[in-house]
Amino acid sequence: MSLSTPAHPVVGDRLLTEQEAASMLGLKPATLRTWRSTGHTPQPRHVKVSARAVRYRLSDVQAHIADLSDGSEVAA
């Protein structure tokens, strides 16, 4: 590995907490938990960072909002 290459490159896409993602979507965090456990679609993609911690990429939440806004996905 080159000395100029960082061991852990900085990722430009911020990870949001469940509370932050829910707030952006105008939902309660419990709604996101329910969606994950039931497989509700559409829902924003999530990242499981540990057994109990889930995060949402900012870009995934923004893409989810854009998909809903342009009518390409219909919520049940």
PDB file of N, CA and C in Angstrom:
ATOM      1  N   MET A   1       0.848  -1.176   0.000  1.00  0.00           N
ATOM      2  CA  MET A   1       0.000   0.000   0.000  1.00  0.00           C
ATOM      3  C   MET A   1       0.891   1.236   0.000  1.00  0.00           C
ATOM      4  N   SER A   2       0.579   2.177  -0.822  1.00  0.00           N
ATOM      5  CA  SER A   2       1.328   3.420  -0.909  1.00  0.00           C
ATOM      6  C   SER A   2       1.083   4.276   0.319  1.00  0.00           C
ATOM      7  N   LEU A   3       2.098   5.024   0.720  1.00  0.00           N
ATOM      8  CA  LEU A   3       1.945   5.917   1.868  1.00  0.00           C
ATOM      9  C   LEU A   3       0.952   7.026   1.598  1.00  0.00           C
ATOM     10  N   SER A   4       0.733   7.365   0.327  1.00  0.00           N
ATOM     11  CA  SER A   4      -0.206   8.440  -0.003  1.00  0.00           C
ATOM     12  C   SER A   4      -1.650   7.959  -0.041  1.00  0.00           C
ATOM     13  N   THR A   5      -1.864   6.648  -0.008  1.00  0.00           N
ATOM     14  CA  THR A   5      -3.208   6.089  -0.034  1.00  0.00           C
ATOM     15  C   THR A   5      -3.685   5.847   1.395  1.00  0.00           C
ATOM     16  N   PRO A   6      -4.765   6.503   1.810  1.00  0.00           N
ATOM     17  CA  PRO A   6      -5.232   6.285   3.172  1.00  0.00           C
ATOM     18  C   PRO A   6      -5.741   4.859   3.362  1.00  0.00           C
ATOM     19  N   ALA A   7      -5.537   4.316   4.558  1.00  0.00           N
ATOM     20  CA  ALA A   7      -6.004   2.965   4.865  1.00  0.00           C
ATOM     21  C   ALA A   7      -7.526   2.898   4.841  1.00  0.00           C
ATOM     22  N   HIS A   8      -8.165   3.981   5.253  1.00  0.00           N
ATOM     23  CA  HIS A   8      -9.631   4.062   5.269  1.00  0.00           C
ATOM     24  C   HIS A   8     -10.041   5.312   4.518  1.00  0.00           C
ATOM     25  N   PRO A   9     -10.298   5.182   3.218  1.00  0.00           N
ATOM     26  CA  PRO A   9     -10.636   6.363   2.443  1.00  0.00           C
ATOM     27  C   PRO A   9     -11.920   7.015   2.951  1.00  0.00           C
ATOM     28  N   VAL A  10     -11.954   8.310   2.865  1.00  0.00           N
ATOM     29  CA  VAL A  10     -13.139   9.053   3.294  1.00  0.00           C
ATOM     30  C   VAL A  10     -14.224   8.874   2.249  1.00  0.00           C
ATOM     31  N   VAL A  11     -15.393   8.527   2.702  1.00  0.00           N
ATOM     32  CA  VAL A  11     -16.533   8.352   1.811  1.00  0.00           C
ATOM     33  C   VAL A  11     -17.329   9.641   1.824  1.00  0.00           C
ATOM     34  N   GLY A  12     -17.636  10.168   0.656  1.00  0.00           N
ATOM     35  CA  GLY A  12     -18.335  11.438   0.567  1.00  0.00           C
ATOM     36  C   GLY A  12     -19.816  11.356   0.888  1.00  0.00           C
ATOM     37  N   ASP A  13     -20.373  10.169   0.947  1.00  0.00           N
ATOM     38  CA  ASP A  13     -21.798   9.994   1.181  1.00  0.00           C
ATOM     39  C   ASP A  13     -22.043   9.779   2.669  1.00  0.00           C
ATOM     40  N   ARG A  14     -22.623  10.752   3.315  1.00  0.00           N
ATOM     41  CA  ARG A  14     -22.849  10.714   4.761  1.00  0.00           C
ATOM     42  C   ARG A  14     -23.851   9.634   5.143  1.00  0.00           C
ATOM     43  N   LEU A  15     -23.592   8.946   6.250  1.00  0.00           N
ATOM     44  CA  LEU A  15     -24.544   7.974   6.789  1.00  0.00           C
ATOM     45  C   LEU A  15     -25.433   8.681   7.795  1.00  0.00           C
ATOM     46  N   LEU A  16     -26.727   8.536   7.625  1.00  0.00           N
ATOM     47  CA  LEU A  16     -27.706   9.144   8.511  1.00  0.00           C
ATOM     48  C   LEU A  16     -28.179   8.136   9.537  1.00  0.00           C
ATOM     49  N   THR A  17     -28.475   8.611  10.727  1.00  0.00           N
ATOM     50  CA  THR A  17     -29.110   7.743  11.715  1.00  0.00           C
ATOM     51  C   THR A  17     -30.548   7.490  11.282  1.00  0.00           C
ATOM     52  N   GLU A  18     -31.161   6.533  11.912  1.00  0.00           N
ATOM     53  CA  GLU A  18     -32.563   6.245  11.634  1.00  0.00           C
ATOM     54  C   GLU A  18     -33.423   7.480  11.909  1.00  0.00           C
ATOM     55  N   GLN A  19     -33.113   8.197  12.971  1.00  0.00           N
ATOM     56  CA  GLN A  19     -33.871   9.393  13.331  1.00  0.00           C
ATOM     57  C   GLN A  19     -33.715  10.486  12.272  1.00  0.00           C
ATOM     58  N   GLU A  20     -32.484  10.664  11.763  1.00  0.00           N
ATOM     59  CA  GLU A  20     -32.256  11.682  10.739  1.00  0.00           C
ATOM     60  C   GLU A  20     -32.972  11.333   9.441  1.00  0.00           C
ATOM     61  N   ALA A  21     -32.903  10.068   9.034  1.00  0.00           N
ATOM     62  CA  ALA A  21     -33.566   9.639   7.806  1.00  0.00           C
ATOM     63  C   ALA A  21     -35.079   9.795   7.944  1.00  0.00           C
ATOM     64  N   ALA A  22     -35.612   9.386   9.082  1.00  0.00           N
ATOM     65  CA  ALA A  22     -37.054   9.514   9.303  1.00  0.00           C
ATOM     66  C   ALA A  22     -37.481  10.978   9.246  1.00  0.00           C
ATOM     67  N   SER A  23     -36.697  11.849   9.837  1.00  0.00           N
ATOM     68  CA  SER A  23     -37.015  13.270   9.829  1.00  0.00           C
ATOM     69  C   SER A  23     -37.038  13.820   8.406  1.00  0.00           C
ATOM     70  N   MET A  24     -36.071  13.424   7.589  1.00  0.00           N
ATOM     71  CA  MET A  24     -36.043  13.879   6.196  1.00  0.00           C
ATOM     72  C   MET A  24     -37.282  13.424   5.433  1.00  0.00           C
ATOM     73  N   LEU A  25     -37.785  12.262   5.788  1.00  0.00           N
ATOM     74  CA  LEU A  25     -38.933  11.680   5.093  1.00  0.00           C
ATOM     75  C   LEU A  25     -40.268  12.078   5.715  1.00  0.00           C
ATOM     76  N   GLY A  26     -40.211  12.778   6.841  1.00  0.00           N
ATOM     77  CA  GLY A  26     -41.444  13.157   7.522  1.00  0.00           C
ATOM     78  C   GLY A  26     -42.125  11.977   8.186  1.00  0.00           C
ATOM     79  N   LEU A  27     -41.325  11.023   8.645  1.00  0.00           N
ATOM     80  CA  LEU A  27     -41.844   9.807   9.273  1.00  0.00           C
ATOM     81  C   LEU A  27     -41.296   9.673  10.686  1.00  0.00           C
ATOM     82  N   LYS A  28     -41.861   8.744  11.424  1.00  0.00           N
ATOM     83  CA  LYS A  28     -41.318   8.382  12.732  1.00  0.00           C
ATOM     84  C   LYS A  28     -40.295   7.268  12.519  1.00  0.00           C
ATOM     85  N   PRO A  29     -39.241   7.224  13.342  1.00  0.00           N
ATOM     86  CA  PRO A  29     -38.268   6.134  13.221  1.00  0.00           C
ATOM     87  C   PRO A  29     -38.919   4.752  13.279  1.00  0.00           C
ATOM     88  N   ALA A  30     -39.972   4.608  14.051  1.00  0.00           N
ATOM     89  CA  ALA A  30     -40.664   3.316  14.148  1.00  0.00           C
ATOM     90  C   ALA A  30     -41.223   2.876  12.801  1.00  0.00           C
ATOM     91  N   THR A  31     -41.599   3.828  11.962  1.00  0.00           N
ATOM     92  CA  THR A  31     -42.113   3.487  10.633  1.00  0.00           C
ATOM     93  C   THR A  31     -41.009   2.848   9.799  1.00  0.00           C
ATOM     94  N   LEU A  32     -39.809   3.411   9.849  1.00  0.00           N
ATOM     95  CA  LEU A  32     -38.694   2.809   9.112  1.00  0.00           C
ATOM     96  C   LEU A  32     -38.378   1.413   9.640  1.00  0.00           C
ATOM     97  N   ARG A  33     -38.433   1.229  10.951  1.00  0.00           N
ATOM     98  CA  ARG A  33     -38.193  -0.110  11.533  1.00  0.00           C
ATOM     99  C   ARG A  33     -39.246  -1.095  11.035  1.00  0.00           C
ATOM    100  N   THR A  34     -40.497  -0.670  11.015  1.00  0.00           N
ATOM    101  CA  THR A  34     -41.574  -1.543  10.533  1.00  0.00           C
ATOM    102  C   THR A  34     -41.369  -1.884   9.068  1.00  0.00           C
ATOM    103  N   TRP A  35     -41.031  -0.887   8.271  1.00  0.00           N
ATOM    104  CA  TRP A  35     -40.797  -1.139   6.846  1.00  0.00           C
ATOM    105  C   TRP A  35     -39.684  -2.154   6.654  1.00  0.00           C
ATOM    106  N   ARG A  36     -38.584  -2.030   7.410  1.00  0.00           N
ATOM    107  CA  ARG A  36     -37.474  -2.981   7.266  1.00  0.00           C
ATOM    108  C   ARG A  36     -37.905  -4.387   7.648  1.00  0.00           C
ATOM    109  N   SER A  37     -38.661  -4.510   8.722  1.00  0.00           N
ATOM    110  CA  SER A  37     -39.025  -5.845   9.205  1.00  0.00           C
ATOM    111  C   SER A  37     -40.085  -6.518   8.339  1.00  0.00           C
ATOM    112  N   THR A  38     -40.900  -5.729   7.659  1.00  0.00           N
ATOM    113  CA  THR A  38     -41.969  -6.307   6.835  1.00  0.00           C
ATOM    114  C   THR A  38     -41.626  -6.356   5.357  1.00  0.00           C
ATOM    115  N   GLY A  39     -40.505  -5.725   4.976  1.00  0.00           N
ATOM    116  CA  GLY A  39     -40.137  -5.704   3.564  1.00  0.00           C
ATOM    117  C   GLY A  39     -40.986  -4.749   2.744  1.00  0.00           C
ATOM    118  N   HIS A  40     -41.576  -3.752   3.394  1.00  0.00           N
ATOM    119  CA  HIS A  40     -42.411  -2.759   2.715  1.00  0.00           C
ATOM    120  C   HIS A  40     -41.661  -2.138   1.543  1.00  0.00           C
ATOM    121  N   THR A  41     -42.352  -1.988   0.444  1.00  0.00           N
ATOM    122  CA  THR A  41     -41.762  -1.284  -0.697  1.00  0.00           C
ATOM    123  C   THR A  41     -42.717  -0.195  -1.145  1.00  0.00           C
ATOM    124  N   PRO A  42     -42.234   0.911  -1.577  1.00  0.00           N
ATOM    125  CA  PRO A  42     -40.819   1.263  -1.610  1.00  0.00           C
ATOM    126  C   PRO A  42     -40.332   1.743  -0.250  1.00  0.00           C
ATOM    127  N   GLN A  43     -39.057   1.591  -0.039  1.00  0.00           N
ATOM    128  CA  GLN A  43     -38.406   2.128   1.155  1.00  0.00           C
ATOM    129  C   GLN A  43     -36.972   2.472   0.785  1.00  0.00           C
ATOM    130  N   PRO A  44     -36.380   3.426   1.472  1.00  0.00           N
ATOM    131  CA  PRO A  44     -34.986   3.752   1.159  1.00  0.00           C
ATOM    132  C   PRO A  44     -34.070   2.596   1.556  1.00  0.00           C
ATOM    133  N   ARG A  45     -33.019   2.396   0.792  1.00  0.00           N
ATOM    134  CA  ARG A  45     -32.037   1.360   1.120  1.00  0.00           C
ATOM    135  C   ARG A  45     -31.380   1.700   2.443  1.00  0.00           C
ATOM    136  N   HIS A  46     -31.016   0.674   3.185  1.00  0.00           N
ATOM    137  CA  HIS A  46     -30.362   0.889   4.469  1.00  0.00           C
ATOM    138  C   HIS A  46     -29.078   0.069   4.551  1.00  0.00           C
ATOM    139  N   VAL A  47     -28.239   0.440   5.512  1.00  0.00           N
ATOM    140  CA  VAL A  47     -26.965  -0.225   5.747  1.00  0.00           C
ATOM    141  C   VAL A  47     -26.957  -0.713   7.180  1.00  0.00           C
ATOM    142  N   LYS A  48     -26.742  -1.986   7.371  1.00  0.00           N
ATOM    143  CA  LYS A  48     -26.663  -2.547   8.722  1.00  0.00           C
ATOM    144  C   LYS A  48     -25.199  -2.501   9.143  1.00  0.00           C
ATOM    145  N   VAL A  49     -24.869  -1.581  10.057  1.00  0.00           N
ATOM    146  CA  VAL A  49     -23.470  -1.414  10.452  1.00  0.00           C
ATOM    147  C   VAL A  49     -23.078  -2.291  11.633  1.00  0.00           C
ATOM    148  N   SER A  50     -24.059  -2.831  12.340  1.00  0.00           N
ATOM    149  CA  SER A  50     -23.815  -3.805  13.401  1.00  0.00           C
ATOM    150  C   SER A  50     -25.123  -4.548  13.637  1.00  0.00           C
ATOM    151  N   ALA A  51     -25.126  -5.432  14.601  1.00  0.00           N
ATOM    152  CA  ALA A  51     -26.329  -6.220  14.872  1.00  0.00           C
ATOM    153  C   ALA A  51     -27.526  -5.344  15.239  1.00  0.00           C
ATOM    154  N   ARG A  52     -27.260  -4.168  15.830  1.00  0.00           N
ATOM    155  CA  ARG A  52     -28.366  -3.316  16.281  1.00  0.00           C
ATOM    156  C   ARG A  52     -28.370  -1.927  15.673  1.00  0.00           C
ATOM    157  N   ALA A  53     -27.402  -1.623  14.835  1.00  0.00           N
ATOM    158  CA  ALA A  53     -27.309  -0.275  14.278  1.00  0.00           C
ATOM    159  C   ALA A  53     -27.569  -0.273  12.781  1.00  0.00           C
ATOM    160  N   VAL A  54     -28.507   0.552  12.367  1.00  0.00           N
ATOM    161  CA  VAL A  54     -28.866   0.706  10.963  1.00  0.00           C
ATOM    162  C   VAL A  54     -28.637   2.158  10.583  1.00  0.00           C
ATOM    163  N   ARG A  55     -28.087   2.367   9.402  1.00  0.00           N
ATOM    164  CA  ARG A  55     -27.877   3.713   8.895  1.00  0.00           C
ATOM    165  C   ARG A  55     -28.426   3.797   7.478  1.00  0.00           C
ATOM    166  N   TYR A  56     -28.656   5.013   7.037  1.00  0.00           N
ATOM    167  CA  TYR A  56     -29.155   5.281   5.693  1.00  0.00           C
ATOM    168  C   TYR A  56     -28.190   6.233   5.014  1.00  0.00           C
ATOM    169  N   ARG A  57     -27.769   5.912   3.800  1.00  0.00           N
ATOM    170  CA  ARG A  57     -26.928   6.841   3.048  1.00  0.00           C
ATOM    171  C   ARG A  57     -27.790   8.036   2.633  1.00  0.00           C
ATOM    172  N   LEU A  58     -27.225   9.220   2.784  1.00  0.00           N
ATOM    173  CA  LEU A  58     -27.933  10.438   2.403  1.00  0.00           C
ATOM    174  C   LEU A  58     -28.405  10.349   0.958  1.00  0.00           C
ATOM    175  N   SER A  59     -27.552   9.854   0.079  1.00  0.00           N
ATOM    176  CA  SER A  59     -27.923   9.761  -1.341  1.00  0.00           C
ATOM    177  C   SER A  59     -29.090   8.797  -1.562  1.00  0.00           C
ATOM    178  N   ASP A  60     -29.178   7.721  -0.774  1.00  0.00           N
ATOM    179  CA  ASP A  60     -30.287   6.776  -0.912  1.00  0.00           C
ATOM    180  C   ASP A  60     -31.605   7.397  -0.463  1.00  0.00           C
ATOM    181  N   VAL A  61     -31.562   8.176   0.617  1.00  0.00           N
ATOM    182  CA  VAL A  61     -32.778   8.851   1.090  1.00  0.00           C
ATOM    183  C   VAL A  61     -33.211   9.891   0.063  1.00  0.00           C
ATOM    184  N   GLN A  62     -32.255  10.646  -0.468  1.00  0.00           N
ATOM    185  CA  GLN A  62     -32.586  11.644  -1.484  1.00  0.00           C
ATOM    186  C   GLN A  62     -33.148  10.989  -2.741  1.00  0.00           C
ATOM    187  N   ALA A  63     -32.576   9.862  -3.154  1.00  0.00           N
ATOM    188  CA  ALA A  63     -33.077   9.138  -4.327  1.00  0.00           C
ATOM    189  C   ALA A  63     -34.487   8.616  -4.075  1.00  0.00           C
ATOM    190  N   HIS A  64     -34.744   8.142  -2.863  1.00  0.00           N
ATOM    191  CA  HIS A  64     -36.076   7.654  -2.511  1.00  0.00           C
ATOM    192  C   HIS A  64     -37.097   8.792  -2.619  1.00  0.00           C
ATOM    193  N   ILE A  65     -36.741   9.947  -2.108  1.00  0.00           N
ATOM    194  CA  ILE A  65     -37.633  11.109  -2.188  1.00  0.00           C
ATOM    195  C   ILE A  65     -37.869  11.485  -3.650  1.00  0.00           C
ATOM    196  N   ALA A  66     -36.818  11.492  -4.453  1.00  0.00           N
ATOM    197  CA  ALA A  66     -36.947  11.832  -5.874  1.00  0.00           C
ATOM    198  C   ALA A  66     -37.841  10.828  -6.596  1.00  0.00           C
ATOM    199  N   ASP A  67     -37.672   9.523  -6.279  1.00  0.00           N
ATOM    200  CA  ASP A  67     -38.511   8.493  -6.906  1.00  0.00           C
ATOM    201  C   ASP A  67     -39.981   8.708  -6.581  1.00  0.00           C
ATOM    202  N   LEU A  68     -40.262   9.052  -5.339  1.00  0.00           N
ATOM    203  CA  LEU A  68     -41.649   9.286  -4.945  1.00  0.00           C
ATOM    204  C   LEU A  68     -42.185  10.564  -5.587  1.00  0.00           C
ATOM    205  N   SER A  69     -41.338  11.555  -5.712  1.00  0.00           N
ATOM    206  CA  SER A  69     -41.750  12.838  -6.256  1.00  0.00           C
ATOM    207  C   SER A  69     -42.087  12.758  -7.742  1.00  0.00           C
ATOM    208  N   ASP A  70     -41.365  11.905  -8.488  1.00  0.00           N
ATOM    209  CA  ASP A  70     -41.629  11.837  -9.914  1.00  0.00           C
ATOM    210  C   ASP A  70     -42.679  10.784 -10.263  1.00  0.00           C
ATOM    211  N   GLY A  71     -43.220  10.122  -9.247  1.00  0.00           N
ATOM    212  CA  GLY A  71     -44.298   9.168  -9.477  1.00  0.00           C
ATOM    213  C   GLY A  71     -43.861   7.820  -9.997  1.00  0.00           C
ATOM    214  N   SER A  72     -42.537   7.550 -10.008  1.00  0.00           N
ATOM    215  CA  SER A  72     -42.076   6.279 -10.546  1.00  0.00           C
ATOM    216  C   SER A  72     -42.327   5.123  -9.588  1.00  0.00           C
ATOM    217  N   GLU A  73     -42.568   5.433  -8.312  1.00  0.00           N
ATOM    218  CA  GLU A  73     -42.923   4.403  -7.339  1.00  0.00           C
ATOM    219  C   GLU A  73     -44.208   4.837  -6.656  1.00  0.00           C
ATOM    220  N   VAL A  74     -45.025   3.886  -6.342  1.00  0.00           N
ATOM    221  CA  VAL A  74     -46.287   4.200  -5.672  1.00  0.00           C
ATOM    222  C   VAL A  74     -46.315   3.499  -4.327  1.00  0.00           C
ATOM    223  N   ALA A  75     -46.520   4.253  -3.264  1.00  0.00           N
ATOM    224  CA  ALA A  75     -46.594   3.670  -1.926  1.00  0.00           C
ATOM    225  C   ALA A  75     -47.907   2.928  -1.755  1.00  0.00           C
ATOM    226  N   ALA A  76     -47.849   1.814  -1.031  1.00  0.00           N
ATOM    227  CA  ALA A  76     -49.068   1.021  -0.798  1.00  0.00           C
ATOM    228  C   ALA A  76     -49.883   1.612   0.318  1.00  0.00           C
TER     229      ALA A  76
END
